Amino acid sequence: MDKDKTLEKQPARSRVEDSSLPTTFDPLRKYLSEVSRYSVLTREQEFEVARKVFEDKDRDAAQKLVMSNLKLVVKISLEYYNTYLN
């Protein structure tokens, strides 16, 4: 019986009040945040990076080429989505 009284005296904690829990998770917002860390390459930079990928088989250059074009992927997908949404 004493055990029951101890449990009753403790304040109830809700999930909302617990600051250790994430608020909401928006995958699109997270992705856009990640994408914004990479700058878009100029035409000359893109050509040079692509040359390193194909001629030198440079994996770092390949990753740079992909990452720098993620904003373009978002732009095209949003245009596609908006075109077929209306």
C-alpha atoms as a PDB file:
ATOM      1  CA  MET A   1       0.000   0.000   0.000  1.00  0.00           C
ATOM      2  CA  ASP A   2       2.900   2.371   0.731  1.00  0.00           C
ATOM      3  CA  LYS A   3       4.197   1.644  -2.728  1.00  0.00           C
ATOM      4  CA  ASP A   4       0.905   2.812  -4.265  1.00  0.00           C
ATOM      5  CA  LYS A   5       1.047   6.094  -2.320  1.00  0.00           C
ATOM      6  CA  THR A   6       4.587   6.757  -3.538  1.00  0.00           C
ATOM      7  CA  LEU A   7       3.499   6.290  -7.118  1.00  0.00           C
ATOM      8  CA  GLU A   8       0.558   8.631  -6.639  1.00  0.00           C
ATOM      9  CA  LYS A   9       2.759  11.413  -5.230  1.00  0.00           C
ATOM     10  CA  GLN A  10       5.050  11.526  -8.261  1.00  0.00           C
ATOM     11  CA  PRO A  11       4.036  14.109 -10.854  1.00  0.00           C
ATOM     12  CA  ALA A  12       2.912  12.708 -14.164  1.00  0.00           C
ATOM     13  CA  ARG A  13       5.157  13.543 -17.108  1.00  0.00           C
ATOM     14  CA  SER A  14       3.710  13.844 -20.530  1.00  0.00           C
ATOM     15  CA  ARG A  15       5.632  13.291 -23.711  1.00  0.00           C
ATOM     16  CA  VAL A  16       5.077  16.886 -24.749  1.00  0.00           C
ATOM     17  CA  GLU A  17       6.812  18.207 -21.641  1.00  0.00           C
ATOM     18  CA  ASP A  18       9.862  15.995 -22.089  1.00  0.00           C
ATOM     19  CA  SER A  19      12.463  18.210 -23.771  1.00  0.00           C
ATOM     20  CA  SER A  20      14.596  15.211 -24.701  1.00  0.00           C
ATOM     21  CA  LEU A  21      12.042  14.126 -27.276  1.00  0.00           C
ATOM     22  CA  PRO A  22      12.084  15.602 -30.769  1.00  0.00           C
ATOM     23  CA  THR A  23       9.180  17.883 -31.571  1.00  0.00           C
ATOM     24  CA  THR A  24       8.198  16.871 -35.086  1.00  0.00           C
ATOM     25  CA  PHE A  25      10.186  15.282 -37.824  1.00  0.00           C
ATOM     26  CA  ASP A  26       9.725  16.621 -41.319  1.00  0.00           C
ATOM     27  CA  PRO A  27      11.823  14.579 -43.750  1.00  0.00           C
ATOM     28  CA  LEU A  28      11.509  17.130 -46.552  1.00  0.00           C
ATOM     29  CA  ARG A  29      12.672  19.971 -44.306  1.00  0.00           C
ATOM     30  CA  LYS A  30      15.595  17.833 -43.129  1.00  0.00           C
ATOM     31  CA  TYR A  31      16.540  16.973 -46.703  1.00  0.00           C
ATOM     32  CA  LEU A  32      16.367  20.614 -47.813  1.00  0.00           C
ATOM     33  CA  SER A  33      18.525  21.588 -44.865  1.00  0.00           C
ATOM     34  CA  GLU A  34      21.132  19.011 -45.868  1.00  0.00           C
ATOM     35  CA  VAL A  35      21.007  20.037 -49.529  1.00  0.00           C
ATOM     36  CA  SER A  36      21.550  23.694 -48.691  1.00  0.00           C
ATOM     37  CA  ARG A  37      25.020  22.875 -47.334  1.00  0.00           C
ATOM     38  CA  TYR A  38      26.332  22.240 -50.853  1.00  0.00           C
ATOM     39  CA  SER A  39      27.022  25.022 -53.321  1.00  0.00           C
ATOM     40  CA  VAL A  40      26.017  24.870 -56.956  1.00  0.00           C
ATOM     41  CA  LEU A  41      28.974  24.509 -59.299  1.00  0.00           C
ATOM     42  CA  THR A  42      29.633  26.913 -62.138  1.00  0.00           C
ATOM     43  CA  ARG A  43      29.710  25.492 -65.647  1.00  0.00           C
ATOM     44  CA  GLU A  44      33.513  25.471 -65.609  1.00  0.00           C
ATOM     45  CA  GLN A  45      33.691  23.848 -62.174  1.00  0.00           C
ATOM     46  CA  GLU A  46      31.187  21.189 -63.183  1.00  0.00           C
ATOM     47  CA  PHE A  47      33.183  20.422 -66.340  1.00  0.00           C
ATOM     48  CA  GLU A  48      36.427  20.091 -64.365  1.00  0.00           C
ATOM     49  CA  VAL A  49      34.849  17.889 -61.691  1.00  0.00           C
ATOM     50  CA  ALA A  50      33.223  15.698 -64.357  1.00  0.00           C
ATOM     51  CA  ARG A  51      36.588  15.369 -66.112  1.00  0.00           C
ATOM     52  CA  LYS A  52      38.145  14.144 -62.846  1.00  0.00           C
ATOM     53  CA  VAL A  53      35.346  11.616 -62.464  1.00  0.00           C
ATOM     54  CA  PHE A  54      35.632  10.131 -65.941  1.00  0.00           C
ATOM     55  CA  GLU A  55      39.338  10.466 -66.677  1.00  0.00           C
ATOM     56  CA  ASP A  56      40.877  10.066 -63.218  1.00  0.00           C
ATOM     57  CA  LYS A  57      38.155   7.831 -61.707  1.00  0.00           C
ATOM     58  CA  ASP A  58      38.101  10.226 -58.731  1.00  0.00           C
ATOM     59  CA  ARG A  59      35.417   9.073 -56.263  1.00  0.00           C
ATOM     60  CA  ASP A  60      35.540  12.318 -54.267  1.00  0.00           C
ATOM     61  CA  ALA A  61      34.898  14.268 -57.456  1.00  0.00           C
ATOM     62  CA  ALA A  62      31.963  11.976 -58.251  1.00  0.00           C
ATOM     63  CA  GLN A  63      30.454  12.640 -54.848  1.00  0.00           C
ATOM     64  CA  LYS A  64      30.987  16.381 -55.268  1.00  0.00           C
ATOM     65  CA  LEU A  65      29.241  16.268 -58.643  1.00  0.00           C
ATOM     66  CA  VAL A  66      26.251  14.441 -57.192  1.00  0.00           C
ATOM     67  CA  MET A  67      25.970  16.558 -54.052  1.00  0.00           C
ATOM     68  CA  SER A  68      26.242  19.841 -55.920  1.00  0.00           C
ATOM     69  CA  ASN A  69      23.274  18.863 -58.103  1.00  0.00           C
ATOM     70  CA  LEU A  70      20.868  17.947 -55.305  1.00  0.00           C
ATOM     71  CA  LYS A  71      19.264  21.402 -55.395  1.00  0.00           C
ATOM     72  CA  LEU A  72      18.499  20.825 -59.061  1.00  0.00           C
ATOM     73  CA  VAL A  73      16.852  17.519 -58.176  1.00  0.00           C
ATOM     74  CA  VAL A  74      14.599  19.305 -55.678  1.00  0.00           C
ATOM     75  CA  LYS A  75      13.749  22.057 -58.177  1.00  0.00           C
ATOM     76  CA  ILE A  76      12.831  19.623 -60.952  1.00  0.00           C
ATOM     77  CA  SER A  77      10.792  17.403 -58.654  1.00  0.00           C
ATOM     78  CA  LEU A  78       8.838  20.386 -57.296  1.00  0.00           C
ATOM     79  CA  GLU A  79       8.146  21.625 -60.836  1.00  0.00           C
ATOM     80  CA  TYR A  80       6.979  18.144 -61.821  1.00  0.00           C
ATOM     81  CA  TYR A  81       4.807  17.885 -58.721  1.00  0.00           C
ATOM     82  CA  ASN A  82       3.241  21.325 -59.237  1.00  0.00           C
ATOM     83  CA  THR A  83       2.600  20.688 -62.939  1.00  0.00           C
ATOM     84  CA  TYR A  84       0.682  17.482 -62.327  1.00  0.00           C
ATOM     85  CA  LEU A  85      -0.979  18.688 -59.152  1.00  0.00           C
ATOM     86  CA  ASN A  86      -2.962  21.353 -61.023  1.00  0.00           C
END
